[in-house]
Structures are given as C-alpha cells and as structure tokens.
PDB file of all heavy atoms in Angstrom:
ATOM      1  N   SER A   1       0.811  -1.224   0.001  1.00  0.00           N
ATOM      2  CA  SER A   1       0.000  -0.002  -0.001  1.00  0.00           C
ATOM      3  C   SER A   1       0.838   1.266  -0.001  1.00  0.00           C
ATOM      4  O   SER A   1       0.303   2.375  -0.125  1.00  0.00           O
ATOM      5  CB  SER A   1      -0.931   0.011   1.225  1.00  0.00           C
ATOM      6  OG  SER A   1      -1.803  -1.090   1.199  1.00  0.00           O
ATOM      7  N   LEU A   2       2.157   1.136   0.174  1.00  0.00           N
ATOM      8  CA  LEU A   2       3.029   2.302   0.287  1.00  0.00           C
ATOM      9  C   LEU A   2       2.980   3.154  -0.980  1.00  0.00           C
ATOM     10  O   LEU A   2       3.066   2.635  -2.096  1.00  0.00           O
ATOM     11  CB  LEU A   2       4.454   1.844   0.572  1.00  0.00           C
ATOM     12  CG  LEU A   2       5.496   2.924   0.886  1.00  0.00           C
ATOM     13  CD1 LEU A   2       6.554   2.364   1.840  1.00  0.00           C
ATOM     14  CD2 LEU A   2       6.195   3.402  -0.396  1.00  0.00           C
ATOM     15  N   VAL A   3       2.858   4.476  -0.793  1.00  0.00           N
ATOM     16  CA  VAL A   3       2.847   5.424  -1.918  1.00  0.00           C
ATOM     17  C   VAL A   3       4.262   5.984  -2.079  1.00  0.00           C
ATOM     18  O   VAL A   3       4.777   6.668  -1.190  1.00  0.00           O
ATOM     19  CB  VAL A   3       1.854   6.574  -1.666  1.00  0.00           C
ATOM     20  CG1 VAL A   3       1.896   7.568  -2.830  1.00  0.00           C
ATOM     21  CG2 VAL A   3       0.444   6.028  -1.469  1.00  0.00           C
ATOM     22  N   VAL A   4       4.893   5.684  -3.204  1.00  0.00           N
ATOM     23  CA  VAL A   4       6.236   6.197  -3.468  1.00  0.00           C
ATOM     24  C   VAL A   4       6.126   7.687  -3.790  1.00  0.00           C
ATOM     25  O   VAL A   4       5.406   8.089  -4.710  1.00  0.00           O
ATOM     26  CB  VAL A   4       6.889   5.446  -4.643  1.00  0.00           C
ATOM     27  CG1 VAL A   4       8.282   6.001  -4.922  1.00  0.00           C
ATOM     28  CG2 VAL A   4       6.966   3.948  -4.341  1.00  0.00           C
ATOM     29  N   ALA A   5       6.814   8.515  -2.997  1.00  0.00           N
ATOM     30  CA  ALA A   5       6.665   9.959  -3.160  1.00  0.00           C
ATOM     31  C   ALA A   5       7.915  10.680  -2.663  1.00  0.00           C
ATOM     32  O   ALA A   5       8.681  10.149  -1.849  1.00  0.00           O
ATOM     33  CB  ALA A   5       5.445  10.465  -2.388  1.00  0.00           C
ATOM     34  N   ASN A   6       8.102  11.896  -3.138  1.00  0.00           N
ATOM     35  CA  ASN A   6       9.212  12.735  -2.696  1.00  0.00           C
ATOM     36  C   ASN A   6       8.933  13.232  -1.278  1.00  0.00           C
ATOM     37  O   ASN A   6       7.827  13.679  -0.973  1.00  0.00           O
ATOM     38  CB  ASN A   6       9.375  13.924  -3.652  1.00  0.00           C
ATOM     39  CG  ASN A   6      10.682  14.649  -3.454  1.00  0.00           C
ATOM     40  OD1 ASN A   6      10.957  15.168  -2.384  1.00  0.00           O
ATOM     41  ND2 ASN A   6      11.496  14.715  -4.499  1.00  0.00           N
ATOM     42  N   SER A   7       9.938  13.169  -0.419  1.00  0.00           N
ATOM     43  CA  SER A   7       9.754  13.524   0.993  1.00  0.00           C
ATOM     44  C   SER A   7      10.105  14.976   1.316  1.00  0.00           C
ATOM     45  O   SER A   7      10.063  15.381   2.478  1.00  0.00           O
ATOM     46  CB  SER A   7      10.613  12.602   1.871  1.00  0.00           C
ATOM     47  OG  SER A   7      12.002  12.769   1.572  1.00  0.00           O
ATOM     48  N   ARG A   8      10.415  15.783   0.283  1.00  0.00           N
ATOM     49  CA  ARG A   8      10.912  17.138   0.545  1.00  0.00           C
ATOM     50  C   ARG A   8       9.892  18.004   1.291  1.00  0.00           C
ATOM     51  O   ARG A   8      10.236  18.694   2.261  1.00  0.00           O
ATOM     52  CB  ARG A   8      11.280  17.806  -0.777  1.00  0.00           C
ATOM     53  CG  ARG A   8      12.046  19.119  -0.622  1.00  0.00           C
ATOM     54  CD  ARG A   8      13.486  18.850  -0.284  1.00  0.00           C
ATOM     55  NE  ARG A   8      14.284  20.067  -0.283  1.00  0.00           N
ATOM     56  CZ  ARG A   8      15.613  20.076  -0.411  1.00  0.00           C
ATOM     57  NH1 ARG A   8      16.288  18.948  -0.531  1.00  0.00           N
ATOM     58  NH2 ARG A   8      16.287  21.208  -0.386  1.00  0.00           N
ATOM     59  N   LYS A   9       8.638  17.983   0.869  1.00  0.00           N
ATOM     60  CA  LYS A   9       7.613  18.786   1.547  1.00  0.00           C
ATOM     61  C   LYS A   9       7.461  18.366   3.001  1.00  0.00           C
ATOM     62  O   LYS A   9       7.259  19.201   3.889  1.00  0.00           O
ATOM     63  CB  LYS A   9       6.274  18.664   0.822  1.00  0.00           C
ATOM     64  CG  LYS A   9       6.187  19.404  -0.497  1.00  0.00           C
ATOM     65  CD  LYS A   9       4.785  19.272  -1.077  1.00  0.00           C
ATOM     66  CE  LYS A   9       4.650  20.032  -2.380  1.00  0.00           C
ATOM     67  NZ  LYS A   9       3.272  19.895  -2.934  1.00  0.00           N
ATOM     68  N   ALA A  10       7.516  17.070   3.233  1.00  0.00           N
ATOM     69  CA  ALA A  10       7.393  16.563   4.603  1.00  0.00           C
ATOM     70  C   ALA A  10       8.529  17.077   5.480  1.00  0.00           C
ATOM     71  O   ALA A  10       8.321  17.406   6.658  1.00  0.00           O
ATOM     72  CB  ALA A  10       7.367  15.043   4.607  1.00  0.00           C
ATOM     73  N   HIS A  11       9.721  17.184   4.916  1.00  0.00           N
ATOM     74  CA  HIS A  11      10.852  17.721   5.670  1.00  0.00           C
ATOM     75  C   HIS A  11      10.656  19.214   5.982  1.00  0.00           C
ATOM     76  O   HIS A  11      11.002  19.678   7.070  1.00  0.00           O
ATOM     77  CB  HIS A  11      12.154  17.502   4.900  1.00  0.00           C
ATOM     78  CG  HIS A  11      12.674  16.100   4.987  1.00  0.00           C
ATOM     79  ND1 HIS A  11      13.087  15.537   6.179  1.00  0.00           N
ATOM     80  CD2 HIS A  11      12.843  15.150   4.039  1.00  0.00           C
ATOM     81  CE1 HIS A  11      13.499  14.293   5.954  1.00  0.00           C
ATOM     82  NE2 HIS A  11      13.359  14.040   4.659  1.00  0.00           N
ATOM     83  N   ARG A  12      10.114  19.952   5.022  1.00  0.00           N
ATOM     84  CA  ARG A  12       9.815  21.360   5.294  1.00  0.00           C
ATOM     85  C   ARG A  12       8.816  21.477   6.442  1.00  0.00           C
ATOM     86  O   ARG A  12       8.942  22.344   7.321  1.00  0.00           O
ATOM     87  CB  ARG A  12       9.240  22.040   4.041  1.00  0.00           C
ATOM     88  CG  ARG A  12      10.216  22.151   2.886  1.00  0.00           C
ATOM     89  CD  ARG A  12       9.555  22.851   1.709  1.00  0.00           C
ATOM     90  NE  ARG A  12      10.303  22.616   0.476  1.00  0.00           N
ATOM     91  CZ  ARG A  12       9.756  22.291  -0.688  1.00  0.00           C
ATOM     92  NH1 ARG A  12       8.445  22.163  -0.796  1.00  0.00           N
ATOM     93  NH2 ARG A  12      10.509  22.098  -1.748  1.00  0.00           N
ATOM     94  N   LEU A  13       7.811  20.617   6.430  1.00  0.00           N
ATOM     95  CA  LEU A  13       6.798  20.627   7.488  1.00  0.00           C
ATOM     96  C   LEU A  13       7.426  20.316   8.841  1.00  0.00           C
ATOM     97  O   LEU A  13       7.086  20.937   9.859  1.00  0.00           O
ATOM     98  CB  LEU A  13       5.711  19.611   7.156  1.00  0.00           C
ATOM     99  CG  LEU A  13       4.469  19.607   8.055  1.00  0.00           C
ATOM    100  CD1 LEU A  13       3.716  20.928   7.937  1.00  0.00           C
ATOM    101  CD2 LEU A  13       3.560  18.432   7.683  1.00  0.00           C
ATOM    102  N   LEU A  14       8.348  19.380   8.857  1.00  0.00           N
ATOM    103  CA  LEU A  14       9.058  19.057  10.107  1.00  0.00           C
ATOM    104  C   LEU A  14       9.827  20.260  10.630  1.00  0.00           C
ATOM    105  O   LEU A  14       9.873  20.505  11.840  1.00  0.00           O
ATOM    106  CB  LEU A  14      10.008  17.880   9.889  1.00  0.00           C
ATOM    107  CG  LEU A  14       9.416  16.487  10.067  1.00  0.00           C
ATOM    108  CD1 LEU A  14      10.378  15.429   9.544  1.00  0.00           C
ATOM    109  CD2 LEU A  14       9.096  16.219  11.540  1.00  0.00           C
ATOM    110  N   HIS A  15      10.417  21.017   9.731  1.00  0.00           N
ATOM    111  CA  HIS A  15      11.147  22.206  10.167  1.00  0.00           C
ATOM    112  C   HIS A  15      10.201  23.271  10.708  1.00  0.00           C
ATOM    113  O   HIS A  15      10.558  24.010  11.642  1.00  0.00           O
ATOM    114  CB  HIS A  15      12.001  22.760   9.030  1.00  0.00           C
ATOM    115  CG  HIS A  15      13.352  22.123   8.948  1.00  0.00           C
ATOM    116  ND1 HIS A  15      14.419  22.554   9.698  1.00  0.00           N
ATOM    117  CD2 HIS A  15      13.801  21.052   8.240  1.00  0.00           C
ATOM    118  CE1 HIS A  15      15.476  21.796   9.446  1.00  0.00           C
ATOM    119  NE2 HIS A  15      15.122  20.878   8.562  1.00  0.00           N
ATOM    120  N   ALA A  16       9.009  23.345  10.163  1.00  0.00           N
ATOM    121  CA  ALA A  16       8.009  24.263  10.714  1.00  0.00           C
ATOM    122  C   ALA A  16       7.639  23.846  12.129  1.00  0.00           C
ATOM    123  O   ALA A  16       7.474  24.693  13.020  1.00  0.00           O
ATOM    124  CB  ALA A  16       6.768  24.290   9.831  1.00  0.00           C
ATOM    125  N   ALA A  17       7.525  22.541  12.352  1.00  0.00           N
ATOM    126  CA  ALA A  17       7.215  22.040  13.692  1.00  0.00           C
ATOM    127  C   ALA A  17       8.362  22.326  14.660  1.00  0.00           C
ATOM    128  O   ALA A  17       8.133  22.725  15.811  1.00  0.00           O
ATOM    129  CB  ALA A  17       6.933  20.537  13.629  1.00  0.00           C
ATOM    130  N   LYS A  18       9.590  22.162  14.198  1.00  0.00           N
ATOM    131  CA  LYS A  18      10.751  22.472  15.042  1.00  0.00           C
ATOM    132  C   LYS A  18      10.791  23.957  15.392  1.00  0.00           C
ATOM    133  O   LYS A  18      11.119  24.335  16.522  1.00  0.00           O
ATOM    134  CB  LYS A  18      12.046  22.052  14.319  1.00  0.00           C
ATOM    135  CG  LYS A  18      12.263  20.551  14.263  1.00  0.00           C
ATOM    136  CD  LYS A  18      13.330  20.163  13.249  1.00  0.00           C
ATOM    137  CE  LYS A  18      14.670  20.743  13.551  1.00  0.00           C
ATOM    138  NZ  LYS A  18      15.706  20.262  12.618  1.00  0.00           N
ATOM    139  N   GLN A  19      10.462  24.785  14.425  1.00  0.00           N
ATOM    140  CA  GLN A  19      10.456  26.226  14.644  1.00  0.00           C
ATOM    141  C   GLN A  19       9.403  26.604  15.693  1.00  0.00           C
ATOM    142  O   GLN A  19       9.657  27.426  16.584  1.00  0.00           O
ATOM    143  CB  GLN A  19      10.172  26.932  13.318  1.00  0.00           C
ATOM    144  CG  GLN A  19      10.377  28.432  13.325  1.00  0.00           C
ATOM    145  CD  GLN A  19      10.229  29.019  11.934  1.00  0.00           C
ATOM    146  OE1 GLN A  19       9.204  28.852  11.262  1.00  0.00           O
ATOM    147  NE2 GLN A  19      11.265  29.694  11.461  1.00  0.00           N
ATOM    148  N   ALA A  20       8.230  25.991  15.612  1.00  0.00           N
ATOM    149  CA  ALA A  20       7.169  26.255  16.590  1.00  0.00           C
ATOM    150  C   ALA A  20       7.576  25.756  17.977  1.00  0.00           C
ATOM    151  O   ALA A  20       7.311  26.413  18.989  1.00  0.00           O
ATOM    152  CB  ALA A  20       5.871  25.589  16.140  1.00  0.00           C
ATOM    153  N   ASP A  21       8.232  24.609  18.025  1.00  0.00           N
ATOM    154  CA  ASP A  21       8.696  24.059  19.308  1.00  0.00           C
ATOM    155  C   ASP A  21       9.716  24.985  19.955  1.00  0.00           C
ATOM    156  O   ASP A  21       9.713  25.179  21.182  1.00  0.00           O
ATOM    157  CB  ASP A  21       9.322  22.677  19.106  1.00  0.00           C
ATOM    158  CG  ASP A  21       8.296  21.609  18.764  1.00  0.00           C
ATOM    159  OD1 ASP A  21       7.089  21.876  18.920  1.00  0.00           O
ATOM    160  OD2 ASP A  21       8.713  20.519  18.338  1.00  0.00           O
ATOM    161  N   ALA A  22      10.597  25.562  19.135  1.00  0.00           N
ATOM    162  CA  ALA A  22      11.625  26.450  19.674  1.00  0.00           C
ATOM    163  C   ALA A  22      11.017  27.689  20.312  1.00  0.00           C
ATOM    164  O   ALA A  22      11.586  28.265  21.244  1.00  0.00           O
ATOM    165  CB  ALA A  22      12.600  26.857  18.562  1.00  0.00           C
ATOM    166  N   ALA A  23       9.843  28.076  19.823  1.00  0.00           N
ATOM    167  CA  ALA A  23       9.206  29.284  20.342  1.00  0.00           C
ATOM    168  C   ALA A  23       8.504  29.059  21.672  1.00  0.00           C
ATOM    169  O   ALA A  23       8.431  29.967  22.503  1.00  0.00           O
ATOM    170  CB  ALA A  23       8.201  29.812  19.315  1.00  0.00           C
ATOM    171  N   ASP A  24       7.997  27.834  21.883  1.00  0.00           N
ATOM    172  CA  ASP A  24       7.230  27.617  23.118  1.00  0.00           C
ATOM    173  C   ASP A  24       7.571  26.339  23.872  1.00  0.00           C
ATOM    174  O   ASP A  24       6.859  25.964  24.812  1.00  0.00           O
ATOM    175  CB  ASP A  24       5.723  27.639  22.810  1.00  0.00           C
ATOM    176  CG  ASP A  24       5.298  26.518  21.865  1.00  0.00           C
ATOM    177  OD1 ASP A  24       6.089  25.584  21.636  1.00  0.00           O
ATOM    178  OD2 ASP A  24       4.165  26.577  21.357  1.00  0.00           O
ATOM    179  N   GLY A  25       8.660  25.673  23.472  1.00  0.00           N
ATOM    180  CA  GLY A  25       9.063  24.463  24.175  1.00  0.00           C
ATOM    181  C   GLY A  25       8.167  23.263  23.914  1.00  0.00           C
ATOM    182  O   GLY A  25       8.137  22.313  24.702  1.00  0.00           O
ATOM    183  N   GLY A  26       7.454  23.272  22.793  1.00  0.00           N
ATOM    184  CA  GLY A  26       6.530  22.189  22.465  1.00  0.00           C
ATOM    185  C   GLY A  26       7.224  20.931  21.970  1.00  0.00           C
ATOM    186  O   GLY A  26       8.457  20.868  21.871  1.00  0.00           O
ATOM    187  N   THR A  27       6.416  19.925  21.640  1.00  0.00           N
ATOM    188  CA  THR A  27       6.950  18.630  21.180  1.00  0.00           C
ATOM    189  C   THR A  27       6.306  18.222  19.851  1.00  0.00           C
ATOM    190  O   THR A  27       6.132  17.043  19.579  1.00  0.00           O
ATOM    191  CB  THR A  27       6.683  17.546  22.237  1.00  0.00           C
ATOM    192  OG1 THR A  27       5.263  17.461  22.488  1.00  0.00           O
ATOM    193  CG2 THR A  27       7.422  17.846  23.531  1.00  0.00           C
ATOM    194  N   ARG A  28       5.977  19.208  19.034  1.00  0.00           N
ATOM    195  CA  ARG A  28       5.301  18.921  17.776  1.00  0.00           C
ATOM    196  C   ARG A  28       6.159  18.090  16.826  1.00  0.00           C
ATOM    197  O   ARG A  28       5.664  17.196  16.137  1.00  0.00           O
ATOM    198  CB  ARG A  28       4.909  20.221  17.085  1.00  0.00           C
ATOM    199  CG  ARG A  28       4.001  21.141  17.893  1.00  0.00           C
ATOM    200  CD  ARG A  28       3.849  22.482  17.202  1.00  0.00           C
ATOM    201  NE  ARG A  28       3.162  23.485  17.985  1.00  0.00           N
ATOM    202  CZ  ARG A  28       3.758  24.243  18.915  1.00  0.00           C
ATOM    203  NH1 ARG A  28       5.057  24.091  19.172  1.00  0.00           N
ATOM    204  NH2 ARG A  28       3.065  25.142  19.592  1.00  0.00           N
ATOM    205  N   ALA A  29       7.445  18.421  16.758  1.00  0.00           N
ATOM    206  CA  ALA A  29       8.327  17.759  15.789  1.00  0.00           C
ATOM    207  C   ALA A  29       8.400  16.262  16.040  1.00  0.00           C
ATOM    208  O   ALA A  29       8.353  15.461  15.098  1.00  0.00           O
ATOM    209  CB  ALA A  29       9.725  18.373  15.822  1.00  0.00           C
ATOM    210  N   GLY A  30       8.518  15.867  17.296  1.00  0.00           N
ATOM    211  CA  GLY A  30       8.569  14.442  17.611  1.00  0.00           C
ATOM    212  C   GLY A  30       7.284  13.729  17.242  1.00  0.00           C
ATOM    213  O   GLY A  30       7.304  12.618  16.680  1.00  0.00           O
ATOM    214  N   ARG A  31       6.144  14.369  17.541  1.00  0.00           N
ATOM    215  CA  ARG A  31       4.854  13.757  17.205  1.00  0.00           C
ATOM    216  C   ARG A  31       4.664  13.685  15.692  1.00  0.00           C
ATOM    217  O   ARG A  31       4.143  12.687  15.166  1.00  0.00           O
ATOM    218  CB  ARG A  31       3.706  14.550  17.840  1.00  0.00           C
ATOM    219  CG  ARG A  31       3.714  14.547  19.361  1.00  0.00           C
ATOM    220  CD  ARG A  31       2.361  14.965  19.923  1.00  0.00           C
ATOM    221  NE  ARG A  31       1.955  16.293  19.503  1.00  0.00           N
ATOM    222  CZ  ARG A  31       2.287  17.418  20.136  1.00  0.00           C
ATOM    223  NH1 ARG A  31       3.076  17.364  21.209  1.00  0.00           N
ATOM    224  NH2 ARG A  31       1.863  18.588  19.708  1.00  0.00           N
ATOM    225  N   LEU A  32       5.098  14.731  14.993  1.00  0.00           N
ATOM    226  CA  LEU A  32       4.949  14.750  13.541  1.00  0.00           C
ATOM    227  C   LEU A  32       5.854  13.717  12.875  1.00  0.00           C
ATOM    228  O   LEU A  32       5.433  13.042  11.923  1.00  0.00           O
ATOM    229  CB  LEU A  32       5.257  16.148  13.005  1.00  0.00           C
ATOM    230  CG  LEU A  32       5.156  16.328  11.491  1.00  0.00           C
ATOM    231  CD1 LEU A  32       3.777  15.951  10.972  1.00  0.00           C
ATOM    232  CD2 LEU A  32       5.509  17.762  11.104  1.00  0.00           C
ATOM    233  N   LYS A  33       7.071  13.595  13.355  1.00  0.00           N
ATOM    234  CA  LYS A  33       7.989  12.596  12.785  1.00  0.00           C
ATOM    235  C   LYS A  33       7.384  11.203  12.893  1.00  0.00           C
ATOM    236  O   LYS A  33       7.402  10.425  11.925  1.00  0.00           O
ATOM    237  CB  LYS A  33       9.329  12.642  13.515  1.00  0.00           C
ATOM    238  CG  LYS A  33      10.376  11.681  12.962  1.00  0.00           C
ATOM    239  CD  LYS A  33      10.840  12.105  11.583  1.00  0.00           C
ATOM    240  CE  LYS A  33      11.965  11.215  11.083  1.00  0.00           C
ATOM    241  NZ  LYS A  33      12.499  11.658   9.793  1.00  0.00           N
ATOM    242  N   GLU A  34       6.834  10.883  14.042  1.00  0.00           N
ATOM    243  CA  GLU A  34       6.194   9.589  14.237  1.00  0.00           C
ATOM    244  C   GLU A  34       5.013   9.419  13.290  1.00  0.00           C
ATOM    245  O   GLU A  34       4.854   8.360  12.652  1.00  0.00           O
ATOM    246  CB  GLU A  34       5.721   9.463  15.686  1.00  0.00           C
ATOM    247  CG  GLU A  34       4.924   8.207  16.005  1.00  0.00           C
ATOM    248  CD  GLU A  34       5.747   6.932  15.962  1.00  0.00           C
ATOM    249  OE1 GLU A  34       6.982   7.009  16.092  1.00  0.00           O
ATOM    250  OE2 GLU A  34       5.141   5.845  15.794  1.00  0.00           O
ATOM    251  N   ALA A  35       4.180  10.450  13.169  1.00  0.00           N
ATOM    252  CA  ALA A  35       3.002  10.367  12.315  1.00  0.00           C
ATOM    253  C   ALA A  35       3.372  10.204  10.844  1.00  0.00           C
ATOM    254  O   ALA A  35       2.700   9.471  10.097  1.00  0.00           O
ATOM    255  CB  ALA A  35       2.136  11.603  12.505  1.00  0.00           C
ATOM    256  N   LEU A  36       4.427  10.879  10.402  1.00  0.00           N
ATOM    257  CA  LEU A  36       4.859  10.762   9.013  1.00  0.00           C
ATOM    258  C   LEU A  36       5.366   9.355   8.706  1.00  0.00           C
ATOM    259  O   LEU A  36       5.020   8.772   7.663  1.00  0.00           O
ATOM    260  CB  LEU A  36       5.959  11.790   8.729  1.00  0.00           C
ATOM    261  CG  LEU A  36       5.504  13.248   8.603  1.00  0.00           C
ATOM    262  CD1 LEU A  36       6.708  14.189   8.672  1.00  0.00           C
ATOM    263  CD2 LEU A  36       4.728  13.464   7.305  1.00  0.00           C
ATOM    264  N   LEU A  37       6.172   8.815   9.592  1.00  0.00           N
ATOM    265  CA  LEU A  37       6.700   7.466   9.379  1.00  0.00           C
ATOM    266  C   LEU A  37       5.588   6.418   9.421  1.00  0.00           C
ATOM    267  O   LEU A  37       5.541   5.513   8.589  1.00  0.00           O
ATOM    268  CB  LEU A  37       7.771   7.160  10.427  1.00  0.00           C
ATOM    269  CG  LEU A  37       9.086   7.922  10.276  1.00  0.00           C
ATOM    270  CD1 LEU A  37       9.926   7.799  11.542  1.00  0.00           C
ATOM    271  CD2 LEU A  37       9.869   7.409   9.071  1.00  0.00           C
ATOM    272  N   GLU A  38       4.701   6.556  10.393  1.00  0.00           N
ATOM    273  CA  GLU A  38       3.582   5.618  10.485  1.00  0.00           C
ATOM    274  C   GLU A  38       2.673   5.739   9.266  1.00  0.00           C
ATOM    275  O   GLU A  38       2.234   4.731   8.693  1.00  0.00           O
ATOM    276  CB  GLU A  38       2.781   5.874  11.760  1.00  0.00           C
ATOM    277  CG  GLU A  38       1.617   4.895  11.940  1.00  0.00           C
ATOM    278  CD  GLU A  38       0.845   5.160  13.203  1.00  0.00           C
ATOM    279  OE1 GLU A  38       0.716   6.340  13.597  1.00  0.00           O
ATOM    280  OE2 GLU A  38       0.346   4.186  13.808  1.00  0.00           O
TER     281      GLU A  38
END
C-alpha cells in the first residue's frame, strides 16, 4: 500500500514544527515525525 513519493515537503513541514517548538518548548516535531513514518 506504500505510496512512493518525494519527501521534501514533509521535511519542510518538520522544520516548521521544530520552529514552533523552539518558540514555546513544544513537542510537535517528535509527534509529527512519528506520524509521518507511520
């Protein structure tokens, strides 16, 4: 069922999550990384 696709947009999204975490000490990046892989 795996969809072969370019991961570049997903990496940009991860950086947005890291940027938001840096501003308020959140844990979005870790949750997003897990969700993307799953």
